[in-house]
Amino acid sequence: MIRFERIEFLYLIVSIVFFYLIYYLYRRWRRKKLLLIGQPNLVNSLIENYSGSKPFLKFNLIMFAYVLLLIVLANPQIGTKLEEVKRKGVEVIIALDISNSMLAEDIKPNRLAKAKQEISKLIDNLSTDKIGIIVFAGKSFVQLPLTNDYSAAKLMLSTISTDLISTQGTAIGSAIETAIKSFSTDNTRSKVLILISDGENHEDDALEAARKATENNIVIHTIGMGTLDGGPIPIYQNGRISSFLKGNDGQIVITKLVPEVMQRIAAVGNGDFYTAHNMDLTAIIEKISKMEQIEFGTKQFTNYETRFQYFLMGTIVLLLIELLITERKIKPFAFFSRFFGAER
């Protein structure tokens, strides 16, 4: 595993854009100055063996060396000792609806994007708990098994879209059943399922699945995404909304929040129901923190060694190459011609 001791230095890599802009402006200014003397081709012909491409090559080498130097300052470290560390916490699984109705923009920027933003905040507030992610539409599957790696959780969260499942629909019951199977088999109490959907369940008996979850000591909190007025489901083409989904009658389909379904699931699951407008993840986190915690072991690196030396060596090599490269053209075989007396 690789980590950076001072990762803030890596943010400076974006400054390369500024340096390239400065270089572009300098070359443009230089060209204008040369035009005052004469045409560029004529001026360059007066400079013996001048190369127009080598200055740009030298500048690129400096920029690569700059990036490597920033990595040196960030001090990359690699884990060398993996140990099992005991922790106490709660297992939290988030079941996220990714059916097309979650693209409705009655909640800005849209239901799915808003849900992902809130999930990201929840992950940031977890400490020792395990987290897993399930996505569902017409069927469900585990996107992220239970883990303590919150960075991996946020990475997987960022990849979630409605394209992950081609089978459309909203099978909330299937998502709950998948969650039941995803919790640790030796965990009999500290289990939380956070179900996020617009509540338009069309596929199965969600309440029966919620009862099974309760029998397995799983607490279910539900979050209803959408508004009672609803909104159309956009159809995207080349990243832009080209039209809206229409029904068999040719009318635009309006998808609405169905709070009753989500409320009943939360009631059966001994949890709370929230809407996107009163979504209180702080309250959910507080409830999780007050639950009985279980002890579980997790593998993590406990010893790290620095590896900045390799990047420092690369920085020095690039700068030496830049110093050795001149801005003059090198004629092929010129050295050998002089050595053997072909040129006098």
Protein backbone atom coordinates (compact mmCIF):
# COMPACT_ATOMS: atom_id res chain seq x y z
CA MET A 1 0.00 0.00 0.00
CA ILE A 2 1.29 3.45 -0.93
CA ARG A 3 0.53 6.63 0.96
CA PHE A 4 1.89 10.19 1.00
CA GLU A 5 3.01 11.73 4.27
CA ARG A 6 2.41 15.29 3.03
CA ILE A 7 -0.14 14.86 0.25
CA GLU A 8 -0.84 18.62 0.12
CA PHE A 9 2.27 19.07 -2.06
CA LEU A 10 0.62 16.99 -4.80
CA TYR A 11 -2.07 19.64 -5.15
CA LEU A 12 0.62 21.94 -6.57
CA ILE A 13 0.80 19.76 -9.69
CA VAL A 14 -2.07 21.82 -11.13
CA SER A 15 0.32 24.81 -11.19
CA ILE A 16 1.89 23.21 -14.28
CA VAL A 17 -0.98 24.70 -16.27
CA PHE A 18 0.15 28.15 -15.11
CA PHE A 19 3.78 27.47 -16.10
CA TYR A 20 2.78 26.29 -19.57
CA LEU A 21 0.66 29.40 -19.99
CA ILE A 22 3.62 31.61 -19.01
CA TYR A 23 5.84 29.71 -21.46
CA TYR A 24 3.28 30.11 -24.25
CA LEU A 25 3.04 33.86 -23.60
CA TYR A 26 6.83 34.14 -23.57
CA ARG A 27 7.18 32.34 -26.91
CA ARG A 28 4.46 34.54 -28.36
CA TRP A 29 6.21 37.69 -27.09
CA ARG A 30 9.54 36.44 -28.47
CA ARG A 31 8.01 35.79 -31.88
CA LYS A 32 6.61 39.34 -32.01
CA LYS A 33 10.02 40.77 -31.14
CA LEU A 34 11.66 38.74 -33.91
CA LEU A 35 9.08 40.02 -36.39
CA LEU A 36 10.41 43.52 -35.73
CA ILE A 37 13.75 42.36 -37.10
CA GLY A 38 12.48 40.32 -39.99
CA GLN A 39 10.64 37.19 -40.97
CA PRO A 40 11.17 34.31 -38.46
CA ASN A 41 12.71 32.02 -41.09
CA LEU A 42 15.22 34.69 -42.07
CA VAL A 43 16.11 35.49 -38.47
CA ASN A 44 16.54 31.80 -37.59
CA SER A 45 18.80 31.32 -40.62
CA LEU A 46 21.10 33.99 -39.23
CA ILE A 47 21.49 31.98 -36.00
CA GLU A 48 23.83 29.09 -36.75
CA ASN A 49 22.26 25.66 -36.21
CA TYR A 50 19.34 27.12 -34.23
CA SER A 51 16.66 24.55 -33.26
CA GLY A 52 13.11 25.75 -32.75
CA SER A 53 11.96 22.53 -31.05
CA LYS A 54 14.74 22.02 -28.50
CA PRO A 55 13.70 24.90 -26.19
CA PHE A 56 10.28 23.26 -25.86
CA LEU A 57 11.92 19.89 -25.16
CA LYS A 58 14.08 21.46 -22.45
CA PHE A 59 11.04 23.14 -20.90
CA ASN A 60 9.14 19.82 -20.81
CA LEU A 61 12.07 18.16 -19.04
CA ILE A 62 11.99 20.89 -16.39
CA MET A 63 8.25 20.40 -15.92
CA PHE A 64 8.67 16.63 -15.50
CA ALA A 65 11.42 17.27 -12.99
CA TYR A 66 9.09 19.68 -11.17
CA VAL A 67 6.40 16.99 -10.87
CA LEU A 68 8.92 14.48 -9.51
CA LEU A 69 10.16 17.09 -7.02
CA LEU A 70 6.62 17.60 -5.74
CA ILE A 71 6.33 13.84 -5.25
CA VAL A 72 9.62 13.94 -3.31
CA LEU A 73 8.23 16.68 -1.05
CA ALA A 74 5.02 14.68 -0.55
CA ASN A 75 7.25 11.84 0.73
CA PRO A 76 5.73 8.66 -0.74
CA GLN A 77 5.74 5.72 1.66
CA ILE A 78 5.08 2.04 1.09
CA GLY A 79 3.65 -0.34 3.69
CA THR A 80 6.06 -3.10 4.63
CA LYS A 81 4.31 -4.80 7.56
CA LEU A 82 0.74 -6.04 7.45
CA GLU A 83 -0.89 -6.81 10.79
CA GLU A 84 -4.36 -7.59 12.05
CA VAL A 85 -5.72 -4.73 14.13
CA LYS A 86 -8.72 -5.16 16.42
CA ARG A 87 -11.47 -2.56 16.14
CA LYS A 88 -14.94 -2.05 17.51
CA GLY A 89 -17.76 -0.71 15.42
CA VAL A 90 -20.99 -1.28 13.56
CA GLU A 91 -21.56 -2.75 10.11
CA VAL A 92 -23.29 -0.25 7.85
CA ILE A 93 -24.58 -1.14 4.39
CA ILE A 94 -25.98 1.51 2.05
CA ALA A 95 -28.47 0.30 -0.56
CA LEU A 96 -28.71 2.90 -3.33
CA ASP A 97 -31.41 3.00 -5.99
CA ILE A 98 -29.85 3.57 -9.43
CA SER A 99 -32.96 3.17 -11.58
CA ASN A 100 -33.52 5.80 -14.28
CA SER A 101 -36.08 7.60 -12.12
CA MET A 102 -33.17 8.66 -9.88
CA LEU A 103 -32.03 10.96 -12.69
CA ALA A 104 -35.07 13.20 -12.18
CA GLU A 105 -34.05 16.75 -11.35
CA ASP A 106 -36.81 17.63 -8.91
CA ILE A 107 -33.87 17.59 -6.46
CA LYS A 108 -30.77 19.38 -7.66
CA PRO A 109 -28.54 18.43 -9.33
CA ASN A 110 -30.59 15.22 -9.56
CA ARG A 111 -31.75 12.53 -7.12
CA LEU A 112 -28.80 10.21 -7.67
CA ALA A 113 -26.14 12.92 -7.54
CA LYS A 114 -27.64 14.36 -4.35
CA ALA A 115 -27.72 10.90 -2.76
CA LYS A 116 -24.06 10.31 -3.64
CA GLN A 117 -23.10 13.66 -2.11
CA GLU A 118 -24.80 12.75 1.15
CA ILE A 119 -23.31 9.25 1.21
CA SER A 120 -19.86 10.79 0.78
CA LYS A 121 -20.49 13.02 3.80
CA LEU A 122 -21.62 10.00 5.83
CA ILE A 123 -18.44 8.11 4.94
CA ASP A 124 -16.36 11.11 6.07
CA ASN A 125 -18.01 10.92 9.49
CA LEU A 126 -17.45 7.22 10.09
CA SER A 127 -14.48 6.21 12.23
CA THR A 128 -14.15 2.52 13.08
CA ASP A 129 -17.32 1.16 11.47
CA LYS A 130 -17.39 -1.08 8.43
CA ILE A 131 -19.24 0.12 5.35
CA GLY A 132 -20.59 -1.62 2.28
CA ILE A 133 -22.55 -0.44 -0.78
CA ILE A 134 -25.34 -2.20 -2.68
CA VAL A 135 -26.86 -0.79 -5.87
CA PHE A 136 -30.21 -1.83 -7.24
CA ALA A 137 -32.76 -1.17 -9.97
CA GLY A 138 -34.67 -4.12 -11.45
CA LYS A 139 -32.15 -6.33 -9.63
CA SER A 140 -29.45 -5.73 -7.05
CA PHE A 141 -25.78 -6.55 -6.50
CA VAL A 142 -22.97 -5.70 -4.09
CA GLN A 143 -20.92 -2.78 -5.38
CA LEU A 144 -18.60 -2.74 -2.36
CA PRO A 145 -18.32 -5.53 0.27
CA LEU A 146 -18.02 -4.49 3.91
CA THR A 147 -14.71 -2.74 4.49
CA ASN A 148 -12.85 -0.29 6.72
CA ASP A 149 -11.19 1.28 3.70
CA TYR A 150 -13.13 4.53 3.42
CA SER A 151 -10.97 5.73 0.51
CA ALA A 152 -12.01 2.68 -1.50
CA ALA A 153 -15.63 3.30 -0.49
CA LYS A 154 -15.53 6.85 -1.85
CA LEU A 155 -13.79 5.67 -5.01
CA MET A 156 -16.46 3.04 -5.66
CA LEU A 157 -19.15 5.58 -4.85
CA SER A 158 -17.83 7.91 -7.54
CA THR A 159 -18.23 5.19 -10.20
CA ILE A 160 -21.91 4.56 -9.48
CA SER A 161 -24.32 5.50 -12.26
CA THR A 162 -27.60 4.31 -13.71
CA ASP A 163 -25.63 2.44 -16.40
CA LEU A 164 -24.44 -0.21 -13.94
CA ILE A 165 -27.73 -2.14 -14.18
CA SER A 166 -29.52 -2.53 -17.50
CA THR A 167 -32.61 -4.17 -15.96
CA GLN A 168 -34.89 -1.30 -15.09
CA GLY A 169 -37.37 -1.19 -12.22
CA THR A 170 -37.06 -0.66 -8.48
CA ALA A 171 -36.65 -3.95 -6.65
CA ILE A 172 -36.33 -2.69 -3.08
CA GLY A 173 -37.05 -6.16 -1.66
CA SER A 174 -34.17 -7.63 -3.65
CA ALA A 175 -31.84 -4.94 -2.31
CA ILE A 176 -32.83 -5.74 1.29
CA GLU A 177 -32.34 -9.47 0.75
CA THR A 178 -28.92 -8.83 -0.78
CA ALA A 179 -28.04 -6.74 2.27
CA ILE A 180 -29.11 -9.54 4.63
CA LYS A 181 -26.64 -11.88 2.91
CA SER A 182 -23.87 -9.25 2.89
CA PHE A 183 -23.56 -8.72 6.63
CA SER A 184 -20.99 -10.82 8.51
CA THR A 185 -22.35 -14.19 9.53
CA ASP A 186 -20.85 -13.90 13.01
CA ASN A 187 -22.45 -10.48 13.61
CA THR A 188 -25.80 -11.00 15.32
CA ARG A 189 -26.65 -7.48 16.43
CA SER A 190 -24.67 -4.43 15.19
CA LYS A 191 -26.08 -4.13 11.67
CA VAL A 192 -27.55 -1.07 9.94
CA LEU A 193 -29.05 -0.79 6.48
CA ILE A 194 -29.54 2.68 4.98
CA LEU A 195 -31.96 2.38 2.07
CA ILE A 196 -32.01 5.29 -0.40
CA SER A 197 -34.73 5.32 -3.08
CA ASP A 198 -37.66 7.27 -4.47
CA GLY A 199 -39.94 4.50 -3.21
CA GLU A 200 -41.42 3.51 -6.55
CA ASN A 201 -41.26 -0.20 -5.85
CA HIS A 202 -42.53 -2.17 -8.83
CA GLU A 203 -40.88 -5.55 -8.52
CA ASP A 204 -41.32 -7.35 -5.21
CA ASP A 205 -42.57 -7.37 -1.63
CA ALA A 206 -40.28 -4.91 0.11
CA LEU A 207 -42.12 -5.14 3.44
CA GLU A 208 -41.68 -8.89 3.63
CA ALA A 209 -37.98 -8.47 2.96
CA ALA A 210 -37.83 -5.79 5.68
CA ARG A 211 -39.42 -8.26 8.15
CA LYS A 212 -36.73 -10.82 7.30
CA ALA A 213 -34.09 -8.15 7.94
CA THR A 214 -35.62 -7.37 11.33
CA GLU A 215 -35.53 -11.06 12.23
CA ASN A 216 -31.78 -10.87 11.54
CA ASN A 217 -31.45 -7.87 13.91
CA ILE A 218 -30.86 -5.41 11.08
CA VAL A 219 -32.00 -1.82 11.67
CA ILE A 220 -33.27 -0.15 8.50
CA HIS A 221 -33.20 3.62 8.01
CA THR A 222 -34.79 4.88 4.79
CA ILE A 223 -34.23 8.07 2.81
CA GLY A 224 -36.81 9.07 0.21
CA MET A 225 -35.32 10.86 -2.78
CA GLY A 226 -37.62 13.11 -4.76
CA THR A 227 -40.60 15.39 -4.26
CA LEU A 228 -44.33 14.78 -4.13
CA ASP A 229 -44.75 16.87 -7.29
CA GLY A 230 -42.08 14.82 -9.01
CA GLY A 231 -40.29 15.49 -12.26
CA PRO A 232 -39.63 14.01 -15.71
CA ILE A 233 -36.89 11.46 -16.35
CA PRO A 234 -34.27 12.97 -18.67
CA ILE A 235 -32.71 11.06 -21.56
CA TYR A 236 -29.09 12.02 -22.20
CA GLN A 237 -27.25 12.14 -25.48
CA ASN A 238 -23.59 13.19 -25.63
CA GLY A 239 -23.77 14.33 -22.02
CA ARG A 240 -26.79 16.59 -22.55
CA ILE A 241 -30.51 16.19 -22.04
CA SER A 242 -32.00 15.45 -25.46
CA SER A 243 -35.54 14.54 -24.40
CA PHE A 244 -37.61 13.05 -21.58
CA LEU A 245 -38.88 9.52 -21.08
CA LYS A 246 -42.40 8.97 -22.45
CA GLY A 247 -44.96 6.32 -21.67
CA ASN A 248 -46.90 4.11 -24.08
CA ASP A 249 -49.48 6.91 -24.43
CA GLY A 250 -46.82 9.29 -25.71
CA GLN A 251 -46.98 11.47 -22.60
CA ILE A 252 -43.89 12.42 -20.60
CA VAL A 253 -43.53 10.18 -17.55
CA ILE A 254 -43.50 12.03 -14.22
CA THR A 255 -41.77 10.18 -11.40
CA LYS A 256 -42.75 11.09 -7.85
CA LEU A 257 -41.56 10.24 -4.37
CA VAL A 258 -43.68 7.53 -2.77
CA PRO A 259 -43.03 8.21 0.93
CA GLU A 260 -45.54 5.65 2.20
CA VAL A 261 -43.40 2.71 1.02
CA MET A 262 -40.23 4.11 2.57
CA GLN A 263 -42.03 4.97 5.82
CA ARG A 264 -43.42 1.46 6.18
CA ILE A 265 -40.04 -0.13 5.53
CA ALA A 266 -38.43 2.08 8.20
CA ALA A 267 -41.22 1.27 10.65
CA VAL A 268 -40.86 -2.48 10.10
CA GLY A 269 -37.06 -2.13 10.27
CA ASN A 270 -37.14 -0.26 13.62
CA GLY A 271 -35.47 2.71 11.95
CA ASP A 272 -36.29 6.25 10.88
CA PHE A 273 -37.55 7.72 7.62
CA TYR A 274 -36.05 10.86 6.09
CA THR A 275 -36.66 12.80 2.92
CA ALA A 276 -34.05 14.49 0.78
CA HIS A 277 -35.11 17.84 2.25
CA ASN A 278 -34.81 16.81 5.90
CA MET A 279 -32.02 14.31 5.38
CA ASP A 280 -30.17 14.27 8.71
CA LEU A 281 -27.17 12.01 8.35
CA THR A 282 -25.79 13.42 11.60
CA ALA A 283 -28.76 11.91 13.41
CA ILE A 284 -28.20 8.56 11.69
CA ILE A 285 -24.51 8.63 12.62
CA GLU A 286 -25.39 9.42 16.24
CA LYS A 287 -27.81 6.48 16.31
CA ILE A 288 -25.10 4.23 14.85
CA SER A 289 -22.57 5.40 17.47
CA LYS A 290 -25.00 4.51 20.27
CA MET A 291 -25.53 0.98 19.01
CA GLU A 292 -23.80 -1.96 20.61
CA GLN A 293 -20.47 -2.40 18.88
CA ILE A 294 -18.76 -5.61 17.94
CA GLU A 295 -15.06 -6.34 17.78
CA PHE A 296 -13.63 -7.33 14.44
CA GLY A 297 -10.15 -7.71 13.07
CA THR A 298 -8.95 -5.89 10.01
CA LYS A 299 -5.68 -6.15 8.12
CA GLN A 300 -3.74 -2.92 7.80
CA PHE A 301 -0.18 -1.77 7.32
CA THR A 302 1.47 -0.70 10.57
CA ASN A 303 4.97 0.05 9.26
CA TYR A 304 5.88 2.32 6.33
CA GLU A 305 9.18 3.08 4.64
CA THR A 306 9.92 6.20 2.60
CA ARG A 307 10.56 5.87 -1.13
CA PHE A 308 11.23 9.51 -2.11
CA GLN A 309 14.83 8.61 -3.07
CA TYR A 310 13.81 7.13 -6.42
CA PHE A 311 11.85 10.23 -7.40
CA LEU A 312 14.70 12.49 -6.25
CA MET A 313 17.08 10.52 -8.45
CA GLY A 314 14.71 10.94 -11.39
CA THR A 315 14.51 14.68 -10.73
CA ILE A 316 18.31 15.01 -10.79
CA VAL A 317 18.63 12.91 -13.97
CA LEU A 318 16.05 15.02 -15.83
CA LEU A 319 17.72 18.27 -14.80
CA LEU A 320 21.15 16.96 -15.90
CA ILE A 321 19.71 15.94 -19.28
CA GLU A 322 18.16 19.40 -19.62
CA LEU A 323 21.53 21.04 -18.93
CA LEU A 324 23.33 18.84 -21.46
CA ILE A 325 20.87 19.56 -24.26
CA THR A 326 21.79 22.69 -26.20
CA GLU A 327 19.44 24.76 -28.32
CA ARG A 328 21.56 24.15 -31.42
CA LYS A 329 20.89 21.53 -34.07
CA ILE A 330 23.22 18.57 -34.21
CA LYS A 331 24.14 17.53 -37.73
CA PRO A 332 24.09 13.75 -38.18
CA PHE A 333 27.57 12.20 -38.23
CA ALA A 334 29.16 15.65 -37.88
CA PHE A 335 31.48 14.42 -35.13
CA PHE A 336 32.65 11.43 -37.16
CA SER A 337 33.14 13.57 -40.23
CA ARG A 338 35.42 15.92 -38.34
CA PHE A 339 37.28 13.03 -36.71
CA PHE A 340 38.09 11.32 -39.99
CA GLY A 341 38.98 14.58 -41.69
CA ALA A 342 36.06 14.74 -44.07
CA GLU A 343 35.41 18.31 -43.02
CA ARG A 344 38.16 20.90 -43.21
